[in-house]
Amino acid sequence: MSMSYPIATYGTIAALLVAILGHYVARAWVRSLKLSNFERYRRRQFATTILFALCAIVIAVLWGRLLEHKGTFFGLLGAGLAVALREPLLAIAGRIAIFAGHMYRVGDRIELNQMAGDVIDVGFFYTRLLEIGNWVKGDQATGRITQFSNSIIFGTPVFNYTQNFSYIWDEIIVPVTYDSNVDQAQKILLEAAAQYSKEFLDIAEEELEKLRHSFLVPAVELKPAVFTDVTDNYVQITLRYVVDPKKRRVAKSFLFTRTLEMLRNHKDIAIGSTTADFTLHQAPADQQGTKQGNMDQPPTPKEIGKQPDPKAA
């Protein structure tokens, strides 16, 4: 029994086998490389995308060549696919752009279209995030999984917290009264920040230096710094420091706790607030009696005549 289209049939089977075999070979090759788990995952996913995309193209060519009007067929096929599969094709193109352009990878903390979280998967069509923020403060996880199409990256700013440089700048504000020792309060904040950042500050400086080799990064200061401002109620001291974006809440808790502990040892420093102090003075006893007597007595006819007429008003 002869086969009608042996080249197309056997070619399709061969293309599928090659794609499957190539998938396992790529996985074994990536596994043999001395790379981080994140980089292995990225390369494995990228290789799989390219293999199956090429397989689909080869199969379409094998069967399309059997038609008499090949140009018309491929033109109509391409137009139909572009319209019917616009979103899936854009999603696949977005996935290729994500891997090829190093926009983000699994483990990165990103934000786009008011969605923020840690990337846990970059699939063919969707990216999945472990959501942070929303009703939970301090950029901590909510437990929800956010899923969005890869095509969303086209024309949308993507904020990456951890790519190329693993730290961000954050600030805390401590208000003190005008009669406080402001210089000592500044020293306390700097000391607390130095205690927290001493373990990773050298690593952050090394990463920043590597970043300068790839990008034109302006001069920035990684060491903690304080800035002073005045308001109507108190002196505002702002501490600026670098921190791992996934540990912002832990850092703030440590800095506020340590700062308050040290401030308790300085009686010349008081925390400021927007509350107001009121002093009430009691009236002399003779004035109180006169007022009370006037309140108890009914008005005289003359006083009644002096009262305004409600109708006239």
Protein backbone atom coordinates (compact mmCIF):
# COMPACT_ATOMS: atom_id res chain seq x y z
CA MET A 1 0.00 0.00 0.00
CA SER A 2 1.56 3.23 -1.18
CA MET A 3 1.40 6.45 0.82
CA SER A 4 -0.10 9.52 -0.87
CA TYR A 5 2.33 12.08 0.48
CA PRO A 6 5.38 10.24 1.78
CA ILE A 7 7.71 13.25 1.93
CA ALA A 8 5.27 15.39 3.90
CA THR A 9 4.23 12.54 6.19
CA TYR A 10 7.70 11.24 6.97
CA GLY A 11 9.00 14.80 7.17
CA THR A 12 6.36 15.69 9.78
CA ILE A 13 7.23 12.63 11.85
CA ALA A 14 10.94 13.41 11.56
CA ALA A 15 10.41 17.06 12.53
CA LEU A 16 8.48 16.08 15.64
CA LEU A 17 11.08 13.49 16.63
CA VAL A 18 13.91 15.95 16.08
CA ALA A 19 12.12 18.59 18.17
CA ILE A 20 11.49 16.15 21.03
CA LEU A 21 15.03 14.82 20.88
CA GLY A 22 16.41 18.34 20.69
CA HIS A 23 14.38 19.27 23.76
CA TYR A 24 15.99 16.53 25.86
CA VAL A 25 19.45 17.22 24.44
CA ALA A 26 19.09 20.91 25.30
CA ARG A 27 17.99 20.05 28.83
CA ALA A 28 20.99 17.74 29.30
CA TRP A 29 23.36 20.34 27.88
CA VAL A 30 22.02 23.10 30.11
CA ARG A 31 22.20 20.80 33.13
CA SER A 32 25.88 20.13 32.44
CA LEU A 33 26.76 23.83 32.50
CA LYS A 34 28.04 25.42 35.69
CA LEU A 35 25.31 28.03 35.93
CA SER A 36 22.88 29.22 38.54
CA ASN A 37 19.44 27.65 38.69
CA PHE A 38 17.92 30.85 37.33
CA GLU A 39 20.19 30.89 34.26
CA ARG A 40 19.64 27.18 33.60
CA TYR A 41 15.90 27.66 33.71
CA ARG A 42 16.10 30.64 31.32
CA ARG A 43 18.24 28.83 28.76
CA ARG A 44 16.17 25.66 28.89
CA GLN A 45 12.93 27.56 28.32
CA PHE A 46 14.44 29.62 25.51
CA ALA A 47 15.76 26.51 23.71
CA THR A 48 12.37 24.79 23.99
CA THR A 49 10.59 27.80 22.49
CA ILE A 50 12.94 27.98 19.49
CA LEU A 51 12.80 24.21 18.81
CA PHE A 52 9.03 23.91 18.69
CA ALA A 53 8.64 27.14 16.72
CA LEU A 54 11.02 25.78 14.06
CA CYS A 55 9.19 22.45 14.09
CA ALA A 56 5.87 24.18 13.36
CA ILE A 57 7.43 26.13 10.47
CA VAL A 58 8.95 22.99 8.91
CA ILE A 59 5.63 21.09 9.07
CA ALA A 60 3.77 24.01 7.46
CA VAL A 61 6.31 24.16 4.61
CA LEU A 62 6.19 20.39 4.01
CA TRP A 63 2.44 20.35 3.55
CA GLY A 64 2.17 23.71 1.84
CA ARG A 65 4.50 22.71 -0.99
CA LEU A 66 1.94 20.15 -2.17
CA LEU A 67 -0.55 22.83 -3.18
CA GLU A 68 -0.63 24.27 -6.67
CA HIS A 69 -0.78 27.92 -5.63
CA LYS A 70 1.75 27.91 -2.86
CA GLY A 71 2.16 31.68 -2.70
CA THR A 72 -1.55 32.26 -2.33
CA PHE A 73 -1.81 29.50 0.25
CA PHE A 74 0.98 30.78 2.44
CA GLY A 75 -0.27 34.34 2.11
CA LEU A 76 -3.78 33.45 3.18
CA LEU A 77 -2.46 31.13 5.88
CA GLY A 78 -0.24 33.82 7.30
CA ALA A 79 -3.00 36.44 7.23
CA GLY A 80 -5.49 34.07 8.84
CA LEU A 81 -3.07 33.06 11.58
CA ALA A 82 -2.14 36.67 12.23
CA VAL A 83 -5.80 37.58 12.81
CA ALA A 84 -7.00 34.43 14.58
CA LEU A 85 -3.93 33.91 16.72
CA ARG A 86 -2.90 37.50 17.30
CA GLU A 87 -2.80 37.34 21.10
CA PRO A 88 -1.12 33.90 21.36
CA LEU A 89 1.48 34.90 18.75
CA LEU A 90 2.16 38.15 20.57
CA ALA A 91 2.48 36.19 23.80
CA ILE A 92 5.06 33.86 22.23
CA ALA A 93 6.88 36.86 20.74
CA GLY A 94 6.81 38.44 24.18
CA ARG A 95 8.34 35.33 25.70
CA ILE A 96 11.16 35.42 23.17
CA ALA A 97 11.68 39.13 23.90
CA ILE A 98 11.75 38.46 27.65
CA PHE A 99 14.49 35.84 27.34
CA ALA A 100 16.47 37.43 24.52
CA GLY A 101 16.27 40.92 25.98
CA HIS A 102 16.92 39.80 29.58
CA MET A 103 13.88 41.78 30.72
CA TYR A 104 13.31 39.58 33.76
CA ARG A 105 13.81 36.01 34.87
CA VAL A 106 12.45 33.64 37.49
CA GLY A 107 13.21 35.02 40.94
CA ASP A 108 13.22 38.68 39.91
CA ARG A 109 10.91 41.13 41.63
CA ILE A 110 9.11 43.22 39.01
CA GLU A 111 6.26 45.68 38.68
CA LEU A 112 4.18 46.53 35.60
CA ASN A 113 0.66 47.81 35.03
CA GLN A 114 0.21 48.25 38.80
CA MET A 115 1.01 44.54 39.32
CA ALA A 116 4.01 43.68 41.49
CA GLY A 117 5.52 40.43 42.67
CA ASP A 118 8.27 37.84 42.40
CA VAL A 119 8.45 35.98 39.07
CA ILE A 120 7.87 32.26 39.61
CA ASP A 121 7.35 31.14 36.00
CA VAL A 122 7.70 32.42 32.43
CA GLY A 123 5.56 30.15 30.23
CA PHE A 124 4.79 30.12 26.51
CA PHE A 125 1.88 32.51 26.90
CA TYR A 126 1.84 33.75 30.49
CA THR A 127 4.12 35.04 33.21
CA ARG A 128 3.20 34.21 36.80
CA LEU A 129 4.01 36.33 39.84
CA LEU A 130 3.78 35.71 43.55
CA GLU A 131 1.96 38.93 44.36
CA ILE A 132 3.30 41.45 46.88
CA GLY A 133 1.70 44.55 48.37
CA ASN A 134 -2.00 45.17 47.82
CA TRP A 135 -3.56 44.85 51.29
CA VAL A 136 -0.24 43.67 52.81
CA LYS A 137 2.17 46.48 53.62
CA GLY A 138 5.94 46.40 53.44
CA ASP A 139 6.20 44.77 49.99
CA GLN A 140 5.54 41.32 51.42
CA ALA A 141 3.76 38.44 49.69
CA THR A 142 -0.02 38.18 49.77
CA GLY A 143 -0.11 34.51 48.74
CA ARG A 144 -1.99 35.16 45.49
CA ILE A 145 -0.59 34.16 42.09
CA THR A 146 -0.88 36.89 39.45
CA GLN A 147 -0.92 35.70 35.83
CA PHE A 148 -0.65 37.96 32.79
CA SER A 149 0.03 37.52 29.08
CA ASN A 150 3.62 37.88 27.91
CA SER A 151 2.39 40.26 25.20
CA ILE A 152 1.81 42.94 27.85
CA ILE A 153 5.51 43.79 27.87
CA PHE A 154 5.23 45.50 24.49
CA GLY A 155 4.63 49.19 25.13
CA THR A 156 4.50 48.79 28.91
CA PRO A 157 7.27 49.89 31.31
CA VAL A 158 8.69 46.98 33.30
CA PHE A 159 10.24 47.89 36.67
CA ASN A 160 12.81 45.33 37.77
CA TYR A 161 13.90 45.55 41.40
CA THR A 162 16.74 43.04 41.24
CA GLN A 163 18.15 42.90 37.70
CA ASN A 164 21.86 43.85 37.38
CA PHE A 165 21.77 45.55 40.80
CA SER A 166 20.27 43.64 43.72
CA TYR A 167 19.56 46.62 45.98
CA ILE A 168 17.30 49.66 46.08
CA TRP A 169 17.27 52.85 48.13
CA ASP A 170 14.72 53.31 50.88
CA GLU A 171 14.04 55.99 53.50
CA ILE A 172 12.67 56.29 57.02
CA ILE A 173 11.60 59.54 58.70
CA VAL A 174 12.06 60.36 62.40
CA PRO A 175 10.52 63.63 63.68
CA VAL A 176 12.09 65.36 66.71
CA THR A 177 11.05 68.49 68.56
CA TYR A 178 12.73 71.85 67.93
CA ASP A 179 14.45 71.88 71.33
CA SER A 180 15.98 68.40 70.77
CA ASN A 181 19.63 67.70 70.11
CA VAL A 182 19.31 67.31 66.33
CA ASP A 183 22.98 66.54 65.75
CA GLN A 184 22.87 63.65 68.19
CA ALA A 185 19.66 62.32 66.61
CA GLN A 186 21.35 62.30 63.21
CA LYS A 187 24.30 60.37 64.60
CA ILE A 188 21.96 57.79 66.13
CA LEU A 189 20.21 57.19 62.80
CA LEU A 190 23.51 56.84 60.96
CA GLU A 191 24.80 54.41 63.58
CA ALA A 192 21.69 52.24 63.31
CA ALA A 193 21.91 52.21 59.49
CA ALA A 194 25.61 51.37 59.59
CA GLN A 195 24.92 48.39 61.85
CA TYR A 196 22.29 47.07 59.45
CA SER A 197 24.15 47.61 56.15
CA LYS A 198 27.69 46.63 57.17
CA GLU A 199 27.19 42.99 56.08
CA PHE A 200 26.18 43.71 52.47
CA LEU A 201 27.48 47.21 51.71
CA ASP A 202 30.71 45.90 50.15
CA ILE A 203 28.74 43.49 47.96
CA ALA A 204 26.48 46.33 46.83
CA GLU A 205 29.49 48.44 45.87
CA GLU A 206 30.91 45.56 43.81
CA GLU A 207 27.61 45.10 41.97
CA LEU A 208 27.40 48.83 41.28
CA GLU A 209 30.89 48.80 39.82
CA LYS A 210 29.94 45.91 37.50
CA LEU A 211 26.84 47.83 36.47
CA ARG A 212 29.00 50.78 35.42
CA HIS A 213 30.83 48.52 32.95
CA SER A 214 27.59 47.92 31.04
CA PHE A 215 25.64 51.14 31.55
CA LEU A 216 26.31 54.83 32.03
CA VAL A 217 25.43 55.00 35.72
CA PRO A 218 25.75 58.39 37.45
CA ALA A 219 27.71 58.78 40.65
CA VAL A 220 25.62 57.60 43.59
CA GLU A 221 26.35 57.14 47.28
CA LEU A 222 25.65 53.74 48.83
CA LYS A 223 26.58 54.62 52.39
CA PRO A 224 23.71 55.70 54.67
CA ALA A 225 23.01 59.42 54.73
CA VAL A 226 20.69 61.72 56.68
CA PHE A 227 18.84 64.82 55.54
CA THR A 228 17.12 67.43 57.70
CA ASP A 229 13.98 69.42 57.02
CA VAL A 230 11.73 71.62 59.15
CA THR A 231 7.94 71.62 59.38
CA ASP A 232 5.42 73.65 61.36
CA ASN A 233 5.52 71.12 64.20
CA TYR A 234 8.94 69.45 64.33
CA VAL A 235 12.34 68.86 62.75
CA GLN A 236 12.15 66.04 60.22
CA ILE A 237 15.22 63.79 59.93
CA THR A 238 15.24 61.45 56.91
CA LEU A 239 17.58 58.45 56.73
CA ARG A 240 18.44 57.18 53.23
CA TYR A 241 19.98 53.71 52.90
CA VAL A 242 20.30 50.75 50.51
CA VAL A 243 18.44 47.53 51.19
CA ASP A 244 17.51 44.23 49.58
CA PRO A 245 14.09 44.95 48.02
CA LYS A 246 12.71 41.73 49.51
CA LYS A 247 13.72 42.80 53.03
CA ARG A 248 12.40 46.35 53.18
CA ARG A 249 9.98 45.67 56.02
CA VAL A 250 12.60 43.79 58.04
CA ALA A 251 15.05 46.64 57.53
CA LYS A 252 12.57 49.30 58.65
CA SER A 253 11.62 47.29 61.72
CA PHE A 254 15.28 46.89 62.71
CA LEU A 255 16.12 50.57 62.14
CA PHE A 256 13.13 51.92 64.05
CA THR A 257 13.67 49.47 66.92
CA ARG A 258 17.38 50.24 67.20
CA THR A 259 16.81 53.99 66.87
CA LEU A 260 14.17 54.09 69.60
CA GLU A 261 16.41 52.06 71.92
CA MET A 262 19.24 54.57 71.55
CA LEU A 263 16.95 57.61 71.77
CA ARG A 264 15.75 56.47 75.20
CA ASN A 265 19.28 57.00 76.51
CA HIS A 266 19.25 60.68 75.49
CA LYS A 267 16.95 62.86 77.53
CA ASP A 268 17.72 65.84 75.30
CA ILE A 269 15.94 64.23 72.31
CA ALA A 270 12.14 64.02 72.11
CA ILE A 271 10.00 62.61 69.32
CA GLY A 272 7.94 65.31 67.61
CA SER A 273 4.30 65.10 66.61
CA THR A 274 1.54 67.19 65.12
CA THR A 275 -0.48 67.28 68.35
CA ALA A 276 -1.12 70.62 70.08
CA ASP A 277 -0.95 71.40 73.80
CA PHE A 278 -3.81 73.41 75.36
CA THR A 279 -3.66 75.12 78.80
CA LEU A 280 -7.01 75.81 80.48
CA HIS A 281 -7.17 78.66 83.06
CA GLN A 282 -9.97 78.55 85.64
CA ALA A 283 -11.82 81.85 86.15
CA PRO A 284 -11.78 83.51 89.62
CA ALA A 285 -14.52 82.46 92.03
CA ASP A 286 -16.27 85.89 92.04
CA GLN A 287 -16.57 85.89 88.25
CA GLN A 288 -17.94 82.36 88.31
CA GLY A 289 -20.62 83.37 90.80
CA THR A 290 -21.65 86.43 88.76
CA LYS A 291 -21.94 84.32 85.60
CA GLN A 292 -23.90 81.64 87.40
CA GLY A 293 -26.24 84.24 88.90
CA ASN A 294 -26.87 85.85 85.56
CA MET A 295 -27.70 82.46 84.08
CA ASP A 296 -30.23 81.65 86.84
CA GLN A 297 -32.09 85.00 86.69
CA PRO A 298 -34.85 85.43 84.12
CA PRO A 299 -34.44 88.35 81.70
CA THR A 300 -36.04 91.68 82.68
CA PRO A 301 -38.65 93.40 80.45
CA LYS A 302 -36.03 95.91 79.30
CA GLU A 303 -33.68 93.07 78.30
CA ILE A 304 -36.54 91.36 76.50
CA GLY A 305 -37.24 94.55 74.60
CA LYS A 306 -33.61 94.74 73.52
CA GLN A 307 -33.69 91.24 72.04
CA PRO A 308 -34.03 91.19 68.23
CA ASP A 309 -37.39 90.44 66.72
CA PRO A 310 -37.31 87.03 64.98
CA LYS A 311 -39.81 88.23 62.38
CA ALA A 312 -37.63 91.23 61.51
CA ALA A 313 -34.72 88.89 60.86
